[in-house]
Protein backbone atom coordinates (compact mmCIF):
# COMPACT_ATOMS: atom_id res chain seq x y z
CA UNK A 1 -23.59 -17.36 -48.53
CA UNK A 2 -25.75 -18.84 -51.30
CA UNK A 3 -26.40 -17.22 -54.63
CA UNK A 4 -28.95 -18.60 -57.28
CA UNK A 5 -28.09 -17.33 -60.76
CA UNK A 6 -31.06 -17.45 -63.42
CA UNK A 7 -30.36 -17.63 -66.94
CA UNK A 8 -33.09 -16.71 -69.30
CA UNK A 9 -32.37 -16.95 -73.38
CA UNK A 10 -35.19 -16.12 -76.02
CA UNK A 11 -34.19 -16.77 -79.56
CA UNK A 12 -35.68 -14.97 -82.97
CA UNK A 13 -38.60 -17.48 -83.09
CA UNK A 14 -39.78 -17.00 -79.71
CA UNK A 15 -38.36 -20.28 -78.19
CA UNK A 16 -37.30 -19.33 -74.39
CA UNK A 17 -35.10 -21.41 -72.38
CA UNK A 18 -34.59 -20.94 -68.11
CA UNK A 19 -31.72 -22.20 -66.47
CA UNK A 20 -30.60 -21.51 -62.52
CA UNK A 21 -27.77 -22.69 -60.81
CA UNK A 22 -26.99 -21.98 -57.08
CA UNK A 23 -23.79 -21.39 -55.67
CA UNK A 24 -21.57 -20.26 -52.87
CA UNK A 25 -18.89 -18.29 -52.71
CA UNK A 26 -16.86 -19.27 -49.22
CA UNK A 27 -13.77 -17.37 -47.86
CA UNK A 28 -14.03 -18.23 -44.07
CA UNK A 29 -12.46 -20.66 -42.69
CA UNK A 30 -13.48 -23.42 -40.15
CA UNK A 31 -13.98 -22.26 -36.46
CA UNK A 32 -12.21 -24.59 -33.90
CA UNK A 33 -12.00 -24.99 -30.19
CA UNK A 34 -10.42 -27.75 -27.87
CA UNK A 35 -10.31 -28.30 -24.44
CA UNK A 36 -8.78 -30.85 -21.94
CA UNK A 37 -12.22 -32.11 -20.47
CA UNK A 38 -10.78 -34.73 -18.03
CA UNK A 39 -7.55 -35.38 -15.81
CA UNK A 40 -6.05 -34.71 -12.50
CA UNK A 41 -3.41 -31.83 -13.14
CA UNK A 42 -1.33 -30.64 -10.58
CA UNK A 43 -2.83 -27.01 -8.75
CA UNK A 44 0.54 -25.55 -8.77
CA UNK A 45 1.84 -26.92 -11.90
CA UNK A 46 -1.11 -26.91 -13.95
CA UNK A 47 0.55 -28.54 -16.77
CA UNK A 48 1.13 -31.93 -15.00
CA UNK A 49 -1.34 -34.78 -14.98
CA UNK A 50 -1.15 -37.81 -12.68
CA UNK A 51 -4.16 -39.42 -14.63
CA UNK A 52 -4.91 -40.01 -18.16
CA UNK A 53 -5.97 -36.77 -20.20
CA UNK A 54 -9.08 -36.33 -22.57
CA UNK A 55 -9.29 -33.83 -25.15
CA UNK A 56 -12.68 -32.71 -26.62
CA UNK A 57 -12.64 -30.85 -29.83
CA UNK A 58 -15.04 -28.33 -31.72
CA UNK A 59 -15.23 -27.54 -35.70
CA UNK A 60 -17.85 -25.71 -36.91
CA UNK A 61 -18.17 -24.49 -41.16
CA UNK A 62 -21.31 -24.67 -43.60
CA UNK A 63 -18.75 -26.31 -45.60
CA UNK A 64 -17.59 -28.62 -43.07
CA UNK A 65 -15.19 -31.41 -44.72
CA UNK A 66 -14.80 -33.90 -41.56
CA UNK A 67 -12.40 -35.93 -43.91
CA UNK A 68 -9.77 -33.02 -43.19
CA UNK A 69 -9.75 -32.12 -39.48
CA UNK A 70 -6.32 -32.94 -38.19
CA UNK A 71 -5.06 -33.88 -34.69
CA UNK A 72 -1.58 -34.13 -34.16
CA UNK A 73 0.21 -35.48 -31.11
CA UNK A 74 3.87 -34.63 -31.23
CA UNK A 75 4.21 -33.86 -34.74
CA UNK A 76 2.44 -36.97 -36.24
CA UNK A 77 -1.27 -36.77 -37.41
CA UNK A 78 -3.87 -39.33 -35.08
CA UNK A 79 -5.73 -41.67 -37.30
CA UNK A 80 -7.81 -42.91 -34.20
CA UNK A 81 -9.69 -40.31 -34.10
CA UNK A 82 -13.53 -40.62 -33.76
CA UNK A 83 -15.52 -37.49 -35.29
CA UNK A 84 -19.30 -36.99 -34.68
CA UNK A 85 -21.32 -34.89 -37.10
CA UNK A 86 -24.64 -32.47 -36.79
CA UNK A 87 -25.20 -30.33 -39.50
CA UNK A 88 -22.68 -27.89 -39.82
CA UNK A 89 -20.42 -28.83 -36.32
CA UNK A 90 -18.47 -31.49 -35.77
CA UNK A 91 -17.30 -32.68 -32.33
CA UNK A 92 -14.55 -35.29 -30.81
CA UNK A 93 -12.60 -36.41 -28.58
CA UNK A 94 -9.32 -38.02 -27.91
CA UNK A 95 -7.74 -39.75 -24.63
CA UNK A 96 -4.01 -39.72 -23.85
CA UNK A 97 -2.98 -42.86 -21.70
CA UNK A 98 0.65 -42.55 -20.88
CA UNK A 99 3.54 -40.78 -19.50
CA UNK A 100 5.21 -38.29 -21.61
CA UNK A 101 5.43 -35.06 -22.55
CA UNK A 102 2.64 -34.18 -25.12
CA UNK A 103 1.88 -31.46 -27.64
CA UNK A 104 -1.66 -31.27 -29.08
CA UNK A 105 -2.73 -29.46 -32.54
CA UNK A 106 -5.98 -29.01 -34.08
CA UNK A 107 -6.52 -27.61 -37.51
CA UNK A 108 -9.39 -28.18 -40.22
CA UNK A 109 -10.08 -27.37 -43.96
CA UNK A 110 -13.58 -27.16 -45.98
CA UNK A 111 -14.52 -28.12 -49.01
CA UNK A 112 -13.65 -25.02 -50.22
CA UNK A 113 -10.13 -25.12 -49.14
CA UNK A 114 -10.24 -22.51 -46.11
CA UNK A 115 -7.98 -23.12 -43.79
CA UNK A 116 -8.69 -22.85 -39.79
CA UNK A 117 -6.58 -20.96 -37.25
CA UNK A 118 -4.27 -23.98 -35.78
CA UNK A 119 -5.05 -24.18 -31.93
CA UNK A 120 -2.37 -25.99 -29.80
CA UNK A 121 -2.18 -27.42 -26.32
CA UNK A 122 0.98 -28.77 -24.42
CA UNK A 123 0.89 -30.59 -21.04
CA UNK A 124 2.60 -34.02 -19.26
CA UNK A 125 1.25 -36.81 -17.88
CA UNK A 126 3.48 -38.17 -15.02
CA UNK A 127 1.54 -41.30 -13.03
CA UNK A 128 4.84 -42.48 -11.77
CA UNK A 129 5.70 -41.27 -8.21
CA UNK A 130 9.34 -40.89 -7.49
CA UNK A 131 12.06 -42.87 -6.10
CA UNK A 132 13.78 -42.56 -3.33
CA UNK A 133 17.17 -44.33 -2.49
CA UNK A 134 19.68 -43.90 0.21
CA UNK A 135 22.67 -45.64 0.24
CA UNK A 136 25.29 -45.11 3.52
CA UNK A 137 28.85 -43.61 2.27
CA UNK A 138 30.82 -45.85 4.38
CA UNK A 139 28.97 -48.52 5.97
CA UNK A 140 32.48 -48.70 8.69
CA UNK A 141 32.14 -45.07 9.67
CA UNK A 142 29.89 -43.21 12.22
CA UNK A 143 29.92 -39.63 13.80
CA UNK A 144 28.67 -38.58 16.64
CA UNK A 145 26.58 -35.29 16.90
CA UNK A 146 25.25 -33.72 19.89
CA UNK A 147 26.13 -37.33 21.68
CA UNK A 148 24.19 -39.17 19.27
CA UNK A 149 25.25 -41.72 16.58
CA UNK A 150 24.93 -41.18 13.13
CA UNK A 151 25.78 -42.44 9.78
CA UNK A 152 26.21 -40.57 6.89
CA UNK A 153 24.06 -41.36 3.73
CA UNK A 154 23.52 -39.58 0.26
CA UNK A 155 20.14 -39.68 -1.08
CA UNK A 156 18.98 -39.67 -4.52
CA UNK A 157 15.81 -38.59 -6.03
C-alpha cells in the first residue's frame, strides 16, 4: 500500500515550493509455508523416515527482509540456510542427515516489524536397522517339547 503525499506551499511574495514523499503503511506479516520435499517415510508411521530429509520453505512479503527469516531445528537457529529471493518471494531448502528426533520451526519478520505465523514440523529419522540378540538361558539345559529337543532362549530387540 503506497501513499504519495504532496505538499505545496506558496509564500506571500509568490514563491512556490512543492515536495512529494511516497511511503507505505504495512500492517501485514509475511506469508510462510514449508513442507518435507524429500525423504522416504514409513507408510504406517508417517513421521518416521529411513533416509535423509529435505525441507523446502517459502516466504512472501512486499517488505521482505531475508535476514529475518528464521529456521529453528530443535530450538536452535539454523545458520547454514541459503535463501534465494525473487521479487517479494524468498525460497530455501534445508537437509537433515543424522538419526534423531527433529522439530523444525519457520518464522519471518518483515522490514516493518510485522511477524509471520510460526510453522512447525516434527519427524524422526531412523536409518539404523534393528539389532536382534539371542542368548541361551542355560547352556546345559535342554527341553523336550513334542518329542523335539529345544533349548530355552532369550531374545532381545
